[in-house]
C-alpha atoms as a PDB file:
ATOM      1  CA  MET A   1      79.313  35.936 -24.108  1.00  0.00           C
ATOM      2  CA  ALA A   2      77.027  37.579 -26.695  1.00  0.00           C
ATOM      3  CA  LEU A   3      73.553  36.123 -27.136  1.00  0.00           C
ATOM      4  CA  PRO A   4      71.280  37.071 -30.073  1.00  0.00           C
ATOM      5  CA  ARG A   5      68.323  39.192 -29.038  1.00  0.00           C
ATOM      6  CA  PRO A   6      65.332  40.559 -30.953  1.00  0.00           C
ATOM      7  CA  ALA A   7      65.649  44.174 -31.997  1.00  0.00           C
ATOM      8  CA  ALA A   8      62.819  45.238 -29.678  1.00  0.00           C
ATOM      9  CA  GLN A   9      64.503  43.690 -26.654  1.00  0.00           C
ATOM     10  CA  ARG A  10      67.835  45.195 -27.601  1.00  0.00           C
ATOM     11  CA  ARG A  11      66.305  48.663 -27.832  1.00  0.00           C
ATOM     12  CA  ILE A  12      64.478  48.343 -24.507  1.00  0.00           C
ATOM     13  CA  VAL A  13      67.620  47.132 -22.747  1.00  0.00           C
ATOM     14  CA  ALA A  14      69.560  50.076 -24.153  1.00  0.00           C
ATOM     15  CA  ASP A  15      66.890  52.508 -22.956  1.00  0.00           C
ATOM     16  CA  LEU A  16      66.832  50.971 -19.489  1.00  0.00           C
ATOM     17  CA  LEU A  17      70.594  51.093 -19.150  1.00  0.00           C
ATOM     18  CA  SER A  18      70.831  54.661 -20.412  1.00  0.00           C
ATOM     19  CA  ASP A  19      69.764  55.908 -16.957  1.00  0.00           C
ATOM     20  CA  LEU A  20      72.754  54.209 -15.322  1.00  0.00           C
ATOM     21  CA  PRO A  21      76.043  56.025 -14.867  1.00  0.00           C
ATOM     22  CA  TRP A  22      78.581  55.320 -17.599  1.00  0.00           C
ATOM     23  CA  SER A  23      80.891  53.522 -15.128  1.00  0.00           C
ATOM     24  CA  ALA A  24      78.062  51.168 -14.093  1.00  0.00           C
ATOM     25  CA  ARG A  25      77.206  50.349 -17.706  1.00  0.00           C
ATOM     26  CA  GLN A  26      80.832  49.507 -18.383  1.00  0.00           C
ATOM     27  CA  ARG A  27      80.822  46.918 -15.623  1.00  0.00           C
ATOM     28  CA  LEU A  28      77.898  45.013 -17.201  1.00  0.00           C
ATOM     29  CA  SER A  29      78.953  41.928 -19.128  1.00  0.00           C
ATOM     30  CA  ASP A  30      77.205  40.576 -22.216  1.00  0.00           C
ATOM     31  CA  LEU A  31      75.798  37.851 -19.994  1.00  0.00           C
ATOM     32  CA  ASP A  32      74.300  40.490 -17.676  1.00  0.00           C
ATOM     33  CA  ARG A  33      72.649  42.178 -20.644  1.00  0.00           C
ATOM     34  CA  ALA A  34      71.386  38.848 -21.973  1.00  0.00           C
ATOM     35  CA  GLY A  35      69.887  38.037 -18.568  1.00  0.00           C
ATOM     36  CA  LEU A  36      68.071  41.374 -18.595  1.00  0.00           C
ATOM     37  CA  ALA A  37      66.765  40.645 -22.090  1.00  0.00           C
ATOM     38  CA  LEU A  38      65.333  37.320 -20.888  1.00  0.00           C
ATOM     39  CA  LEU A  39      63.046  39.311 -18.595  1.00  0.00           C
ATOM     40  CA  LEU A  40      61.640  41.063 -21.651  1.00  0.00           C
ATOM     41  CA  GLU A  41      60.218  38.115 -23.574  1.00  0.00           C
ATOM     42  CA  TRP A  42      56.942  40.017 -23.887  1.00  0.00           C
ATOM     43  CA  ALA A  43      58.745  42.361 -26.305  1.00  0.00           C
ATOM     44  CA  ASN A  44      59.286  39.448 -28.701  1.00  0.00           C
ATOM     45  CA  ALA A  45      55.566  38.889 -29.292  1.00  0.00           C
ATOM     46  CA  SER A  46      54.591  36.635 -32.191  1.00  0.00           C
ATOM     47  CA  PRO A  47      51.391  34.942 -33.445  1.00  0.00           C
ATOM     48  CA  ASP A  48      50.411  32.259 -30.966  1.00  0.00           C
ATOM     49  CA  CYS A  49      46.999  30.758 -30.178  1.00  0.00           C
ATOM     50  CA  GLU A  50      48.306  28.040 -27.890  1.00  0.00           C
ATOM     51  CA  THR A  51      48.769  30.373 -24.926  1.00  0.00           C
ATOM     52  CA  VAL A  52      46.525  33.114 -23.560  1.00  0.00           C
ATOM     53  CA  PRO A  53      48.594  35.402 -21.291  1.00  0.00           C
ATOM     54  CA  LEU A  54      45.528  37.444 -20.296  1.00  0.00           C
ATOM     55  CA  PRO A  55      42.661  34.902 -20.208  1.00  0.00           C
ATOM     56  CA  HIS A  56      40.181  37.314 -18.632  1.00  0.00           C
ATOM     57  CA  PHE A  57      39.905  40.848 -17.348  1.00  0.00           C
ATOM     58  CA  THR A  58      37.403  43.277 -15.847  1.00  0.00           C
ATOM     59  CA  HIS A  59      36.479  46.497 -17.643  1.00  0.00           C
ATOM     60  CA  LYS A  60      34.002  48.993 -16.195  1.00  0.00           C
ATOM     61  CA  GLY A  61      32.870  46.377 -13.718  1.00  0.00           C
ATOM     62  CA  VAL A  62      32.208  43.679 -16.339  1.00  0.00           C
ATOM     63  CA  MET A  63      34.171  40.417 -16.620  1.00  0.00           C
ATOM     64  CA  TYR A  64      35.373  39.509 -20.132  1.00  0.00           C
ATOM     65  CA  HIS A  65      37.008  36.288 -21.335  1.00  0.00           C
ATOM     66  CA  PHE A  66      39.339  35.494 -24.219  1.00  0.00           C
ATOM     67  CA  PRO A  67      38.910  32.218 -26.141  1.00  0.00           C
ATOM     68  CA  LYS A  68      40.636  29.128 -24.825  1.00  0.00           C
ATOM     69  CA  PRO A  69      43.993  28.004 -26.255  1.00  0.00           C
ATOM     70  CA  LYS A  70      43.765  26.789 -29.875  1.00  0.00           C
ATOM     71  CA  GLY A  71      40.234  28.163 -30.030  1.00  0.00           C
ATOM     72  CA  SER A  72      38.852  24.989 -28.495  1.00  0.00           C
ATOM     73  CA  ASN A  73      35.660  26.837 -27.512  1.00  0.00           C
ATOM     74  CA  MET A  74      35.253  28.883 -30.699  1.00  0.00           C
ATOM     75  CA  THR A  75      31.963  28.637 -32.573  1.00  0.00           C
ATOM     76  CA  CYS A  76      31.566  28.499 -36.332  1.00  0.00           C
ATOM     77  CA  ILE A  77      30.230  32.035 -36.627  1.00  0.00           C
ATOM     78  CA  GLU A  78      33.169  33.344 -34.632  1.00  0.00           C
ATOM     79  CA  PHE A  79      36.070  32.367 -36.892  1.00  0.00           C
ATOM     80  CA  PRO A  80      35.011  33.972 -40.212  1.00  0.00           C
ATOM     81  CA  MET A  81      33.594  37.025 -38.460  1.00  0.00           C
ATOM     82  CA  ALA A  82      36.867  37.576 -36.613  1.00  0.00           C
ATOM     83  CA  ASP A  83      38.764  36.919 -39.840  1.00  0.00           C
ATOM     84  CA  GLU A  84      36.882  39.666 -41.657  1.00  0.00           C
ATOM     85  CA  TYR A  85      37.882  42.233 -39.028  1.00  0.00           C
ATOM     86  CA  TYR A  86      41.436  40.867 -39.023  1.00  0.00           C
ATOM     87  CA  GLN A  87      41.713  41.182 -42.796  1.00  0.00           C
ATOM     88  CA  ASP A  88      40.283  44.712 -42.706  1.00  0.00           C
ATOM     89  CA  PHE A  89      42.858  45.699 -40.099  1.00  0.00           C
ATOM     90  CA  ILE A  90      45.955  44.302 -41.824  1.00  0.00           C
ATOM     91  CA  ALA A  91      44.826  45.588 -45.245  1.00  0.00           C
ATOM     92  CA  ALA A  92      44.288  49.168 -44.059  1.00  0.00           C
ATOM     93  CA  GLU A  93      46.887  51.709 -45.170  1.00  0.00           C
ATOM     94  CA  LYS A  94      46.505  53.548 -41.870  1.00  0.00           C
ATOM     95  CA  PRO A  95      45.942  52.069 -38.391  1.00  0.00           C
ATOM     96  CA  ASP A  96      42.340  50.883 -38.358  1.00  0.00           C
ATOM     97  CA  GLN A  97      41.366  51.123 -34.708  1.00  0.00           C
ATOM     98  CA  HIS A  98      37.722  50.286 -35.414  1.00  0.00           C
ATOM     99  CA  SER A  99      38.506  46.931 -37.084  1.00  0.00           C
ATOM    100  CA  LEU A 100      40.987  46.079 -34.342  1.00  0.00           C
ATOM    101  CA  MET A 101      38.435  46.825 -31.618  1.00  0.00           C
ATOM    102  CA  CYS A 102      35.804  44.762 -33.458  1.00  0.00           C
ATOM    103  CA  LEU A 103      38.260  41.858 -33.716  1.00  0.00           C
ATOM    104  CA  LEU A 104      38.766  42.116 -29.966  1.00  0.00           C
ATOM    105  CA  ALA A 105      35.002  42.377 -29.374  1.00  0.00           C
ATOM    106  CA  THR A 106      34.386  39.248 -31.466  1.00  0.00           C
ATOM    107  CA  LEU A 107      36.837  37.132 -29.518  1.00  0.00           C
ATOM    108  CA  VAL A 108      36.500  38.705 -26.080  1.00  0.00           C
ATOM    109  CA  ARG A 109      33.023  38.437 -24.617  1.00  0.00           C
ATOM    110  CA  GLU A 110      31.250  38.941 -21.331  1.00  0.00           C
ATOM    111  CA  GLN A 111      30.941  36.270 -18.648  1.00  0.00           C
ATOM    112  CA  ASN A 112      27.929  34.043 -19.323  1.00  0.00           C
ATOM    113  CA  PRO A 113      25.613  34.421 -16.298  1.00  0.00           C
ATOM    114  CA  ASP A 114      24.195  30.889 -16.752  1.00  0.00           C
ATOM    115  CA  PRO A 115      26.531  28.383 -14.976  1.00  0.00           C
ATOM    116  CA  ALA A 116      24.719  25.392 -16.484  1.00  0.00           C
ATOM    117  CA  GLU A 117      25.207  26.719 -19.995  1.00  0.00           C
ATOM    118  CA  VAL A 118      28.873  27.441 -19.288  1.00  0.00           C
ATOM    119  CA  LEU A 119      29.356  23.790 -18.312  1.00  0.00           C
ATOM    120  CA  ARG A 120      27.334  22.486 -21.250  1.00  0.00           C
ATOM    121  CA  MET A 121      29.109  24.627 -23.847  1.00  0.00           C
ATOM    122  CA  GLY A 122      32.548  24.602 -22.225  1.00  0.00           C
ATOM    123  CA  ASP A 123      32.725  28.352 -22.720  1.00  0.00           C
ATOM    124  CA  ALA A 124      32.611  31.072 -20.070  1.00  0.00           C
ATOM    125  CA  ARG A 125      31.682  33.676 -22.709  1.00  0.00           C
ATOM    126  CA  VAL A 126      28.200  34.655 -23.801  1.00  0.00           C
ATOM    127  CA  ALA A 127      27.274  33.348 -27.245  1.00  0.00           C
ATOM    128  CA  LEU A 128      27.970  35.358 -30.398  1.00  0.00           C
ATOM    129  CA  TYR A 129      25.138  35.982 -32.858  1.00  0.00           C
ATOM    130  CA  SER A 130      25.627  39.146 -34.916  1.00  0.00           C
ATOM    131  CA  ARG A 131      27.912  41.933 -36.068  1.00  0.00           C
ATOM    132  CA  GLU A 132      25.613  44.444 -34.399  1.00  0.00           C
ATOM    133  CA  GLU A 133      26.433  43.048 -30.967  1.00  0.00           C
ATOM    134  CA  VAL A 134      30.133  43.070 -31.865  1.00  0.00           C
ATOM    135  CA  GLU A 135      29.937  46.767 -32.750  1.00  0.00           C
ATOM    136  CA  ALA A 136      28.120  47.522 -29.505  1.00  0.00           C
ATOM    137  CA  ARG A 137      30.653  45.533 -27.460  1.00  0.00           C
ATOM    138  CA  ALA A 138      33.534  47.307 -29.199  1.00  0.00           C
ATOM    139  CA  SER A 139      32.093  50.626 -28.018  1.00  0.00           C
ATOM    140  CA  ARG A 140      31.842  49.329 -24.459  1.00  0.00           C
ATOM    141  CA  LEU A 141      35.470  48.147 -24.586  1.00  0.00           C
ATOM    142  CA  ALA A 142      36.749  51.586 -25.562  1.00  0.00           C
ATOM    143  CA  GLY A 143      39.545  52.782 -23.319  1.00  0.00           C
ATOM    144  CA  LEU A 144      41.159  49.386 -22.766  1.00  0.00           C
ATOM    145  CA  PRO A 145      44.961  49.316 -22.524  1.00  0.00           C
ATOM    146  CA  PRO A 146      46.497  48.465 -25.930  1.00  0.00           C
ATOM    147  CA  GLU A 147      47.917  45.130 -24.762  1.00  0.00           C
ATOM    148  CA  TYR A 148      44.435  43.582 -24.928  1.00  0.00           C
ATOM    149  CA  CYS A 149      44.054  44.535 -28.591  1.00  0.00           C
ATOM    150  CA  LEU A 150      47.581  43.294 -29.270  1.00  0.00           C
ATOM    151  CA  GLN A 151      46.805  39.940 -27.657  1.00  0.00           C
ATOM    152  CA  ALA A 152      43.640  39.590 -29.762  1.00  0.00           C
ATOM    153  CA  LEU A 153      45.563  40.392 -32.948  1.00  0.00           C
ATOM    154  CA  LEU A 154      48.453  38.018 -32.253  1.00  0.00           C
ATOM    155  CA  TRP A 155      46.187  35.289 -30.900  1.00  0.00           C
ATOM    156  CA  PHE A 156      43.969  35.294 -33.980  1.00  0.00           C
ATOM    157  CA  ALA A 157      46.966  35.419 -36.333  1.00  0.00           C
ATOM    158  CA  GLY A 158      48.229  32.340 -34.498  1.00  0.00           C
ATOM    159  CA  MET A 159      44.798  30.747 -34.757  1.00  0.00           C
ATOM    160  CA  LYS A 160      44.820  31.190 -38.542  1.00  0.00           C
ATOM    161  CA  LYS A 161      48.215  29.496 -38.734  1.00  0.00           C
ATOM    162  CA  TYR A 162      47.016  26.695 -36.481  1.00  0.00           C
ATOM    163  CA  VAL A 163      43.893  26.058 -38.586  1.00  0.00           C
ATOM    164  CA  HIS A 164      46.027  26.177 -41.728  1.00  0.00           C
ATOM    165  CA  ARG A 165      48.452  23.636 -40.282  1.00  0.00           C
ATOM    166  CA  VAL A 166      45.854  21.203 -38.921  1.00  0.00           C
ATOM    167  CA  TYR A 167      43.175  21.305 -41.614  1.00  0.00           C
ATOM    168  CA  GLY A 168      44.858  23.007 -44.543  1.00  0.00           C
ATOM    169  CA  ALA A 169      45.863  19.906 -46.474  1.00  0.00           C
ATOM    170  CA  TRP A 170      42.203  18.964 -46.796  1.00  0.00           C
ATOM    171  CA  LEU A 171      40.177  22.149 -46.725  1.00  0.00           C
ATOM    172  CA  PHE A 172      42.097  24.957 -48.364  1.00  0.00           C
ATOM    173  CA  ASP A 173      42.593  25.766 -52.014  1.00  0.00           C
ATOM    174  CA  SER A 174      46.389  25.978 -51.888  1.00  0.00           C
ATOM    175  CA  GLN A 175      49.186  24.873 -49.622  1.00  0.00           C
ATOM    176  CA  ASP A 176      51.961  27.042 -51.056  1.00  0.00           C
ATOM    177  CA  ASP A 177      53.071  28.651 -47.837  1.00  0.00           C
ATOM    178  CA  GLU A 178      51.858  28.998 -44.274  1.00  0.00           C
ATOM    179  CA  GLU A 179      52.373  32.733 -44.600  1.00  0.00           C
ATOM    180  CA  GLU A 180      49.698  32.931 -47.295  1.00  0.00           C
ATOM    181  CA  GLU A 181      46.752  31.821 -45.229  1.00  0.00           C
ATOM    182  CA  GLU A 182      44.706  34.907 -46.187  1.00  0.00           C
ATOM    183  CA  ASP A 183      42.938  32.558 -48.636  1.00  0.00           C
ATOM    184  CA  GLU A 184      42.113  30.059 -45.901  1.00  0.00           C
ATOM    185  CA  VAL A 185      38.681  29.203 -47.246  1.00  0.00           C
ATOM    186  CA  PRO A 186      37.369  25.639 -47.386  1.00  0.00           C
ATOM    187  CA  GLN A 187      36.453  24.442 -50.845  1.00  0.00           C
ATOM    188  CA  LYS A 188      33.945  21.887 -52.042  1.00  0.00           C
ATOM    189  CA  THR A 189      35.163  18.796 -53.845  1.00  0.00           C
ATOM    190  CA  ALA A 190      34.501  20.525 -57.179  1.00  0.00           C
ATOM    191  CA  ASN A 191      34.717  24.307 -57.139  1.00  0.00           C
ATOM    192  CA  THR A 192      32.833  25.179 -60.312  1.00  0.00           C
ATOM    193  CA  GLY A 193      30.977  28.247 -59.054  1.00  0.00           C
ATOM    194  CA  PRO A 194      31.420  31.269 -56.801  1.00  0.00           C
ATOM    195  CA  ASN A 195      33.352  30.672 -53.609  1.00  0.00           C
ATOM    196  CA  PHE A 196      31.423  32.062 -50.639  1.00  0.00           C
ATOM    197  CA  GLY A 197      34.044  30.952 -48.164  1.00  0.00           C
ATOM    198  CA  TRP A 198      33.126  29.734 -44.719  1.00  0.00           C
ATOM    199  CA  TRP A 199      29.607  31.149 -44.958  1.00  0.00           C
ATOM    200  CA  GLY A 200      28.869  29.043 -48.044  1.00  0.00           C
ATOM    201  CA  ILE A 201      30.380  25.966 -46.448  1.00  0.00           C
ATOM    202  CA  TYR A 202      28.236  26.446 -43.358  1.00  0.00           C
ATOM    203  CA  GLN A 203      25.155  26.484 -45.585  1.00  0.00           C
ATOM    204  CA  SER A 204      26.249  23.185 -47.109  1.00  0.00           C
ATOM    205  CA  VAL A 205      26.790  21.719 -43.648  1.00  0.00           C
ATOM    206  CA  ALA A 206      23.325  22.926 -42.607  1.00  0.00           C
ATOM    207  CA  GLU A 207      21.816  21.230 -45.673  1.00  0.00           C
ATOM    208  CA  SER A 208      23.286  17.943 -44.467  1.00  0.00           C
ATOM    209  CA  GLY A 209      21.411  18.334 -41.175  1.00  0.00           C
ATOM    210  CA  VAL A 210      24.258  16.846 -39.157  1.00  0.00           C
ATOM    211  CA  PHE A 211      24.624  19.926 -36.934  1.00  0.00           C
ATOM    212  CA  GLY A 212      21.070  21.213 -37.347  1.00  0.00           C
ATOM    213  CA  ASN A 213      19.831  24.252 -39.263  1.00  0.00           C
ATOM    214  CA  LEU A 214      22.029  27.168 -40.313  1.00  0.00           C
ATOM    215  CA  GLY A 215      21.593  29.015 -37.025  1.00  0.00           C
ATOM    216  CA  GLN A 216      22.623  25.888 -35.131  1.00  0.00           C
ATOM    217  CA  VAL A 217      25.638  25.379 -37.393  1.00  0.00           C
ATOM    218  CA  HIS A 218      26.761  28.935 -36.639  1.00  0.00           C
ATOM    219  CA  GLN A 219      26.687  28.087 -32.925  1.00  0.00           C
ATOM    220  CA  ALA A 220      28.342  24.676 -33.355  1.00  0.00           C
ATOM    221  CA  ALA A 221      31.920  24.080 -32.251  1.00  0.00           C
ATOM    222  CA  PHE A 222      34.254  25.312 -34.990  1.00  0.00           C
ATOM    223  CA  HIS A 223      36.710  22.429 -34.672  1.00  0.00           C
ATOM    224  CA  ASP A 224      33.910  19.848 -34.721  1.00  0.00           C
ATOM    225  CA  VAL A 225      32.680  21.185 -38.044  1.00  0.00           C
ATOM    226  CA  CYS A 226      36.237  21.306 -39.437  1.00  0.00           C
ATOM    227  CA  VAL A 227      36.733  17.651 -38.503  1.00  0.00           C
ATOM    228  CA  TYR A 228      33.426  16.814 -40.185  1.00  0.00           C
ATOM    229  CA  LEU A 229      34.507  18.643 -43.359  1.00  0.00           C
ATOM    230  CA  VAL A 230      37.842  16.817 -43.394  1.00  0.00           C
ATOM    231  CA  ARG A 231      36.111  13.462 -42.909  1.00  0.00           C
ATOM    232  CA  LYS A 232      33.685  14.124 -45.764  1.00  0.00           C
ATOM    233  CA  ARG A 233      36.544  15.220 -48.003  1.00  0.00           C
ATOM    234  CA  VAL A 234      38.465  12.016 -47.237  1.00  0.00           C
ATOM    235  CA  GLU A 235      35.374   9.908 -47.915  1.00  0.00           C
ATOM    236  CA  ALA A 236      34.797  11.691 -51.246  1.00  0.00           C
ATOM    237  CA  GLU A 237      38.402  11.135 -52.347  1.00  0.00           C
ATOM    238  CA  GLN A 238      38.294   7.480 -51.316  1.00  0.00           C
ATOM    239  CA  HIS A 239      35.073   7.022 -53.284  1.00  0.00           C
ATOM    240  CA  THR A 240      36.583   8.734 -56.348  1.00  0.00           C
ATOM    241  CA  SER A 241      39.672   6.519 -56.250  1.00  0.00           C
ATOM    242  CA  ALA A 242      37.582   3.373 -55.719  1.00  0.00           C
ATOM    243  CA  VAL A 243      35.374   3.902 -58.786  1.00  0.00           C
ATOM    244  CA  PRO A 244      38.161   3.498 -61.416  1.00  0.00           C
ATOM    245  CA  ALA A 245      39.497   0.505 -59.515  1.00  0.00           C
ATOM    246  CA  ALA A 246      36.071  -1.126 -59.632  1.00  0.00           C
ATOM    247  CA  GLY A 247      35.876  -0.446 -63.380  1.00  0.00           C
ATOM    248  CA  VAL A 248      39.225  -2.106 -64.011  1.00  0.00           C
ATOM    249  CA  LYS A 249      38.177  -5.168 -62.027  1.00  0.00           C
ATOM    250  CA  HIS A 250      34.916  -5.406 -63.973  1.00  0.00           C
ATOM    251  CA  SER A 251      36.843  -5.315 -67.273  1.00  0.00           C
ATOM    252  CA  ASP A 252      39.168  -8.067 -66.124  1.00  0.00           C
ATOM    253  CA  ASP A 253      36.222 -10.252 -65.158  1.00  0.00           C
ATOM    254  CA  GLU A 254      34.826  -9.948 -68.667  1.00  0.00           C
END
């Protein structure tokens, strides 16, 4: 029985079995090899924000936490900041360790020492405010095993796909392909000027006052603001479609 296996798993299985005597390898069936491959699911890593295999860890005596599944505790400032480091990393011609570490340092943050704030915010991590603190945290995280950086990279890639799938039909400029979410930037109802991406949208949200001033918007729950943007977009489209209908009715009455 031959079962399809990812190339990485196939290579690892071959390397593991190479230490066995030839006679022992000959006695292994395809089913035996497939069973061994099932123990190597970690080698088939793919973008996924719905699971967090390593939710927290201790480094140099400090506890750090990853975001919750689906970024349910992400703040508004966190998503575009992480996206900038992510884009820098995948666009680099050579491995960009600095951008990768800064992506990790944006998502992974120290344990918040205030239990009341942890309960109120639903987030065990300290708040994120600036790139300067990200750079400093990245330096403190130096020396971590590579699997932590890999989890941050794959988790955020999965988060981008998730945001694209949930909000994309309403917030993003194009819906050509889920693989092209590099342009995942919300747009206003009429994009007649420069597009400042999430940062510009956050300014517009702050002007509405719904989530407070700009600093408060940056600390607001990312998904809450996305839902608000979708709702406003729906309301704008419903209003636009209702105006011509009202005009037609007025003409008929005359």
